[in-house]
Amino acid sequence: MNYVFSTIGYLVLAFILIGINCFISSKMVDVAELKGYDPKQEHIYMFCFFLGILGYLYVLALPDLRLQNLLKSVIEKKYENTSEVIGKKESNSNSKKNVRKSIASEILN
């Protein structure tokens, strides 16, 4: 009789842990959506559900696509303003890279 109660206890515990894992996995999909990823892609949920903590770390390590697009647009806008101030567009690709690097370092600092 004692064996039956302990087995039921383990099953209840397993269902509770699976429920917690489902909840955390769905929240990790929300985090990925905030980072700019499509929430309809099921691979993020599956990674988190089956890999547990490794899946959570995967989502946390994903790059922020919204921030990257924002910084890219700011750099391009600032680069256009810089070339307008100079009065001509520079055709040399090395000088364009230098201007972009200086603007990016200015933004990040």
N, C-alpha and C. Protein backbone atom coordinates (compact mmCIF):
# COMPACT_ATOMS: atom_id res chain seq x y z
N MET A 1 0.82 -1.19 0.00
CA MET A 1 0.00 0.00 0.00
C MET A 1 0.86 1.26 0.00
N ASN A 2 1.94 1.23 0.75
CA ASN A 2 2.85 2.36 0.81
C ASN A 2 3.51 2.60 -0.56
N TYR A 3 3.75 1.54 -1.29
CA TYR A 3 4.35 1.62 -2.62
C TYR A 3 3.44 2.38 -3.59
N VAL A 4 2.13 2.16 -3.48
CA VAL A 4 1.16 2.82 -4.35
C VAL A 4 1.17 4.33 -4.10
N PHE A 5 1.20 4.73 -2.85
CA PHE A 5 1.21 6.16 -2.53
C PHE A 5 2.49 6.84 -3.00
N SER A 6 3.61 6.16 -2.87
CA SER A 6 4.86 6.77 -3.32
C SER A 6 4.89 6.87 -4.85
N THR A 7 4.32 5.88 -5.54
CA THR A 7 4.26 5.94 -7.00
C THR A 7 3.35 7.07 -7.46
N ILE A 8 2.22 7.22 -6.81
CA ILE A 8 1.30 8.32 -7.15
C ILE A 8 1.96 9.66 -6.87
N GLY A 9 2.69 9.74 -5.78
CA GLY A 9 3.42 10.97 -5.44
C GLY A 9 4.44 11.32 -6.51
N TYR A 10 5.17 10.33 -7.00
CA TYR A 10 6.16 10.57 -8.06
C TYR A 10 5.48 10.99 -9.36
N LEU A 11 4.33 10.40 -9.67
CA LEU A 11 3.60 10.80 -10.88
C LEU A 11 3.09 12.24 -10.77
N VAL A 12 2.57 12.59 -9.60
CA VAL A 12 2.10 13.96 -9.40
C VAL A 12 3.26 14.94 -9.51
N LEU A 13 4.38 14.59 -8.93
CA LEU A 13 5.57 15.44 -9.02
C LEU A 13 6.04 15.58 -10.45
N ALA A 14 6.01 14.49 -11.21
CA ALA A 14 6.41 14.53 -12.62
C ALA A 14 5.49 15.44 -13.42
N PHE A 15 4.18 15.36 -13.19
CA PHE A 15 3.24 16.22 -13.90
C PHE A 15 3.44 17.69 -13.52
N ILE A 16 3.72 17.95 -12.27
CA ILE A 16 3.97 19.33 -11.84
C ILE A 16 5.23 19.87 -12.51
N LEU A 17 6.30 19.07 -12.56
CA LEU A 17 7.54 19.51 -13.19
C LEU A 17 7.36 19.72 -14.70
N ILE A 18 6.60 18.85 -15.34
CA ILE A 18 6.32 19.03 -16.77
C ILE A 18 5.51 20.31 -16.99
N GLY A 19 4.57 20.58 -16.12
CA GLY A 19 3.78 21.82 -16.22
C GLY A 19 4.65 23.06 -16.05
N ILE A 20 5.55 23.01 -15.08
CA ILE A 20 6.47 24.14 -14.87
C ILE A 20 7.37 24.32 -16.08
N ASN A 21 7.85 23.22 -16.64
CA ASN A 21 8.71 23.29 -17.83
C ASN A 21 7.94 23.87 -19.01
N CYS A 22 6.68 23.49 -19.20
CA CYS A 22 5.85 24.05 -20.27
C CYS A 22 5.67 25.56 -20.09
N PHE A 23 5.42 25.97 -18.85
CA PHE A 23 5.23 27.39 -18.57
C PHE A 23 6.50 28.19 -18.86
N ILE A 24 7.64 27.71 -18.38
CA ILE A 24 8.90 28.42 -18.61
C ILE A 24 9.24 28.43 -20.10
N SER A 25 8.97 27.33 -20.79
CA SER A 25 9.24 27.28 -22.23
C SER A 25 8.40 28.29 -22.99
N SER A 26 7.14 28.44 -22.60
CA SER A 26 6.29 29.43 -23.27
C SER A 26 6.76 30.86 -22.98
N LYS A 27 7.27 31.09 -21.79
CA LYS A 27 7.81 32.41 -21.47
C LYS A 27 9.10 32.69 -22.25
N MET A 28 9.89 31.65 -22.51
CA MET A 28 11.09 31.83 -23.32
C MET A 28 10.74 32.16 -24.77
N VAL A 29 9.61 31.64 -25.25
CA VAL A 29 9.14 32.02 -26.59
C VAL A 29 8.78 33.50 -26.59
N ASP A 30 8.18 33.99 -25.51
CA ASP A 30 7.87 35.41 -25.39
C ASP A 30 9.13 36.26 -25.38
N VAL A 31 10.17 35.79 -24.70
CA VAL A 31 11.45 36.50 -24.68
C VAL A 31 12.04 36.55 -26.08
N ALA A 32 11.98 35.44 -26.80
CA ALA A 32 12.50 35.42 -28.17
C ALA A 32 11.70 36.36 -29.07
N GLU A 33 10.40 36.46 -28.82
CA GLU A 33 9.58 37.39 -29.60
C GLU A 33 9.99 38.84 -29.32
N LEU A 34 10.30 39.14 -28.07
CA LEU A 34 10.77 40.49 -27.73
C LEU A 34 12.11 40.81 -28.38
N LYS A 35 12.89 39.77 -28.65
CA LYS A 35 14.17 39.96 -29.32
C LYS A 35 14.03 40.05 -30.83
N GLY A 36 12.81 39.88 -31.34
CA GLY A 36 12.57 40.06 -32.76
C GLY A 36 12.43 38.78 -33.55
N TYR A 37 12.28 37.66 -32.89
CA TYR A 37 12.12 36.39 -33.58
C TYR A 37 10.64 36.05 -33.72
N ASP A 38 10.33 35.27 -34.74
CA ASP A 38 8.95 34.91 -35.03
C ASP A 38 8.44 33.90 -34.00
N PRO A 39 7.37 34.22 -33.27
CA PRO A 39 6.88 33.28 -32.25
C PRO A 39 6.20 32.05 -32.85
N LYS A 40 5.90 32.08 -34.14
CA LYS A 40 5.26 30.93 -34.78
C LYS A 40 6.24 29.80 -35.04
N GLN A 41 7.52 30.10 -34.94
CA GLN A 41 8.52 29.04 -35.12
C GLN A 41 8.55 28.20 -33.85
N GLU A 42 8.31 26.93 -34.01
CA GLU A 42 8.19 26.04 -32.86
C GLU A 42 9.54 25.57 -32.32
N HIS A 43 10.62 25.84 -33.04
CA HIS A 43 11.89 25.27 -32.59
C HIS A 43 12.34 25.87 -31.25
N ILE A 44 12.00 27.10 -30.98
CA ILE A 44 12.41 27.72 -29.73
C ILE A 44 11.72 27.02 -28.55
N TYR A 45 10.42 26.78 -28.70
CA TYR A 45 9.69 26.09 -27.64
C TYR A 45 10.23 24.68 -27.45
N MET A 46 10.51 23.99 -28.54
CA MET A 46 11.00 22.61 -28.45
C MET A 46 12.38 22.55 -27.79
N PHE A 47 13.26 23.49 -28.18
CA PHE A 47 14.58 23.54 -27.53
C PHE A 47 14.42 23.69 -26.02
N CYS A 48 13.58 24.63 -25.62
CA CYS A 48 13.41 24.89 -24.19
C CYS A 48 12.74 23.72 -23.47
N PHE A 49 11.76 23.11 -24.11
CA PHE A 49 11.04 22.03 -23.46
C PHE A 49 11.91 20.79 -23.29
N PHE A 50 12.60 20.39 -24.35
CA PHE A 50 13.36 19.14 -24.29
C PHE A 50 14.76 19.29 -23.68
N LEU A 51 15.37 20.46 -23.82
CA LEU A 51 16.72 20.65 -23.29
C LEU A 51 16.75 21.33 -21.93
N GLY A 52 15.64 21.86 -21.50
CA GLY A 52 15.58 22.48 -20.17
C GLY A 52 16.45 23.71 -20.07
N ILE A 53 17.35 23.71 -19.11
CA ILE A 53 18.19 24.88 -18.84
C ILE A 53 19.07 25.24 -20.03
N LEU A 54 19.48 24.25 -20.81
CA LEU A 54 20.28 24.55 -22.01
C LEU A 54 19.45 25.30 -23.04
N GLY A 55 18.19 24.95 -23.16
CA GLY A 55 17.30 25.67 -24.07
C GLY A 55 17.05 27.10 -23.60
N TYR A 56 16.94 27.29 -22.30
CA TYR A 56 16.76 28.64 -21.77
C TYR A 56 17.99 29.50 -22.05
N LEU A 57 19.15 28.91 -21.87
CA LEU A 57 20.39 29.64 -22.16
C LEU A 57 20.50 29.95 -23.65
N TYR A 58 20.02 29.04 -24.49
CA TYR A 58 20.01 29.29 -25.94
C TYR A 58 19.20 30.54 -26.25
N VAL A 59 18.02 30.64 -25.67
CA VAL A 59 17.17 31.80 -25.94
C VAL A 59 17.81 33.07 -25.40
N LEU A 60 18.39 33.00 -24.24
CA LEU A 60 19.03 34.18 -23.67
C LEU A 60 20.24 34.62 -24.49
N ALA A 61 20.89 33.69 -25.17
CA ALA A 61 22.07 34.01 -25.97
C ALA A 61 21.73 34.49 -27.38
N LEU A 62 20.46 34.39 -27.79
CA LEU A 62 20.08 34.85 -29.12
C LEU A 62 20.34 36.35 -29.24
N PRO A 63 20.85 36.79 -30.40
CA PRO A 63 21.07 38.23 -30.57
C PRO A 63 19.74 38.97 -30.70
N ASP A 64 19.74 40.20 -30.28
CA ASP A 64 18.54 41.03 -30.33
C ASP A 64 18.42 41.63 -31.73
N LEU A 65 17.52 41.10 -32.54
CA LEU A 65 17.37 41.56 -33.92
C LEU A 65 16.79 42.96 -33.99
N ARG A 66 15.89 43.30 -33.09
CA ARG A 66 15.31 44.64 -33.11
C ARG A 66 16.36 45.70 -32.82
N LEU A 67 17.22 45.43 -31.85
CA LEU A 67 18.27 46.38 -31.52
C LEU A 67 19.29 46.49 -32.66
N GLN A 68 19.61 45.38 -33.30
CA GLN A 68 20.53 45.41 -34.43
C GLN A 68 19.97 46.24 -35.58
N ASN A 69 18.68 46.07 -35.89
CA ASN A 69 18.06 46.85 -36.97
C ASN A 69 18.02 48.33 -36.61
N LEU A 70 17.73 48.63 -35.35
CA LEU A 70 17.69 50.02 -34.91
C LEU A 70 19.07 50.67 -35.02
N LEU A 71 20.09 49.98 -34.54
CA LEU A 71 21.45 50.53 -34.64
C LEU A 71 21.88 50.68 -36.09
N LYS A 72 21.50 49.73 -36.92
CA LYS A 72 21.86 49.82 -38.34
C LYS A 72 21.22 51.04 -38.98
N SER A 73 19.94 51.28 -38.68
CA SER A 73 19.27 52.45 -39.26
C SER A 73 19.86 53.75 -38.72
N VAL A 74 20.23 53.78 -37.45
CA VAL A 74 20.84 54.98 -36.88
C VAL A 74 22.20 55.24 -37.52
N ILE A 75 22.98 54.19 -37.71
CA ILE A 75 24.30 54.35 -38.33
C ILE A 75 24.14 54.82 -39.77
N GLU A 76 23.20 54.23 -40.52
CA GLU A 76 23.00 54.66 -41.90
C GLU A 76 22.52 56.10 -41.97
N LYS A 77 21.63 56.47 -41.07
CA LYS A 77 21.13 57.85 -41.06
C LYS A 77 22.25 58.82 -40.71
N LYS A 78 23.04 58.46 -39.73
CA LYS A 78 24.15 59.33 -39.33
C LYS A 78 25.20 59.41 -40.44
N TYR A 79 25.40 58.29 -41.14
CA TYR A 79 26.36 58.27 -42.24
C TYR A 79 25.88 59.17 -43.37
N GLU A 80 24.57 59.14 -43.66
CA GLU A 80 24.03 60.02 -44.69
C GLU A 80 24.20 61.48 -44.28
N ASN A 81 23.97 61.80 -43.03
CA ASN A 81 24.14 63.17 -42.56
C ASN A 81 25.60 63.59 -42.64
N THR A 82 26.53 62.67 -42.34
CA THR A 82 27.95 62.98 -42.39
C THR A 82 28.38 63.25 -43.83
N SER A 83 27.88 62.47 -44.77
CA SER A 83 28.27 62.68 -46.17
C SER A 83 27.65 63.96 -46.71
N GLU A 84 26.47 64.36 -46.20
CA GLU A 84 25.88 65.62 -46.64
C GLU A 84 26.67 66.80 -46.12
N VAL A 85 27.19 66.69 -44.90
CA VAL A 85 27.99 67.77 -44.33
C VAL A 85 29.29 67.92 -45.11
N ILE A 86 29.89 66.82 -45.50
CA ILE A 86 31.13 66.87 -46.27
C ILE A 86 30.85 67.46 -47.64
N GLY A 87 29.66 67.23 -48.16
CA GLY A 87 29.30 67.83 -49.42
C GLY A 87 29.42 66.87 -50.59
N LYS A 88 29.98 65.73 -50.39
CA LYS A 88 30.09 64.75 -51.46
C LYS A 88 30.12 63.37 -50.84
N LYS A 89 29.67 62.42 -51.61
CA LYS A 89 29.73 61.04 -51.15
C LYS A 89 31.10 60.50 -51.49
N GLU A 90 31.68 59.84 -50.52
CA GLU A 90 33.01 59.30 -50.73
C GLU A 90 32.89 57.98 -51.48
N SER A 91 33.66 57.86 -52.54
CA SER A 91 33.57 56.65 -53.35
C SER A 91 34.54 55.57 -52.87
N ASN A 92 35.47 55.95 -52.07
CA ASN A 92 36.46 54.99 -51.59
C ASN A 92 35.84 54.14 -50.48
N SER A 93 35.85 52.82 -50.67
CA SER A 93 35.20 51.93 -49.71
C SER A 93 35.93 51.93 -48.36
N ASN A 94 37.23 52.12 -48.37
CA ASN A 94 37.97 52.16 -47.10
C ASN A 94 37.54 53.35 -46.25
N SER A 95 37.36 54.49 -46.87
CA SER A 95 36.94 55.67 -46.11
C SER A 95 35.51 55.49 -45.60
N LYS A 96 34.64 54.80 -46.37
CA LYS A 96 33.29 54.51 -45.90
C LYS A 96 33.33 53.62 -44.67
N LYS A 97 34.20 52.62 -44.72
CA LYS A 97 34.31 51.72 -43.57
C LYS A 97 34.81 52.47 -42.35
N ASN A 98 35.78 53.38 -42.56
CA ASN A 98 36.31 54.14 -41.43
C ASN A 98 35.24 55.04 -40.82
N VAL A 99 34.44 55.67 -41.67
CA VAL A 99 33.37 56.53 -41.17
C VAL A 99 32.34 55.69 -40.41
N ARG A 100 31.98 54.54 -40.95
CA ARG A 100 31.01 53.68 -40.27
C ARG A 100 31.55 53.19 -38.94
N LYS A 101 32.83 52.83 -38.90
CA LYS A 101 33.42 52.38 -37.65
C LYS A 101 33.44 53.49 -36.62
N SER A 102 33.77 54.69 -37.05
CA SER A 102 33.81 55.81 -36.09
C SER A 102 32.42 56.15 -35.58
N ILE A 103 31.43 56.08 -36.45
CA ILE A 103 30.07 56.36 -36.02
C ILE A 103 29.57 55.28 -35.08
N ALA A 104 29.87 54.01 -35.42
CA ALA A 104 29.44 52.91 -34.56
C ALA A 104 30.12 53.00 -33.20
N SER A 105 31.40 53.32 -33.16
CA SER A 105 32.07 53.44 -31.88
C SER A 105 31.54 54.62 -31.08
N GLU A 106 31.17 55.69 -31.78
CA GLU A 106 30.60 56.87 -31.12
C GLU A 106 29.25 56.52 -30.49
N ILE A 107 28.43 55.74 -31.22
CA ILE A 107 27.11 55.36 -30.70
C ILE A 107 27.26 54.44 -29.51
N LEU A 108 28.15 53.48 -29.62
CA LEU A 108 28.30 52.49 -28.55
C LEU A 108 28.97 53.07 -27.31
N ASN A 109 29.72 54.12 -27.45
CA ASN A 109 30.36 54.74 -26.29
C ASN A 109 29.48 55.81 -25.75
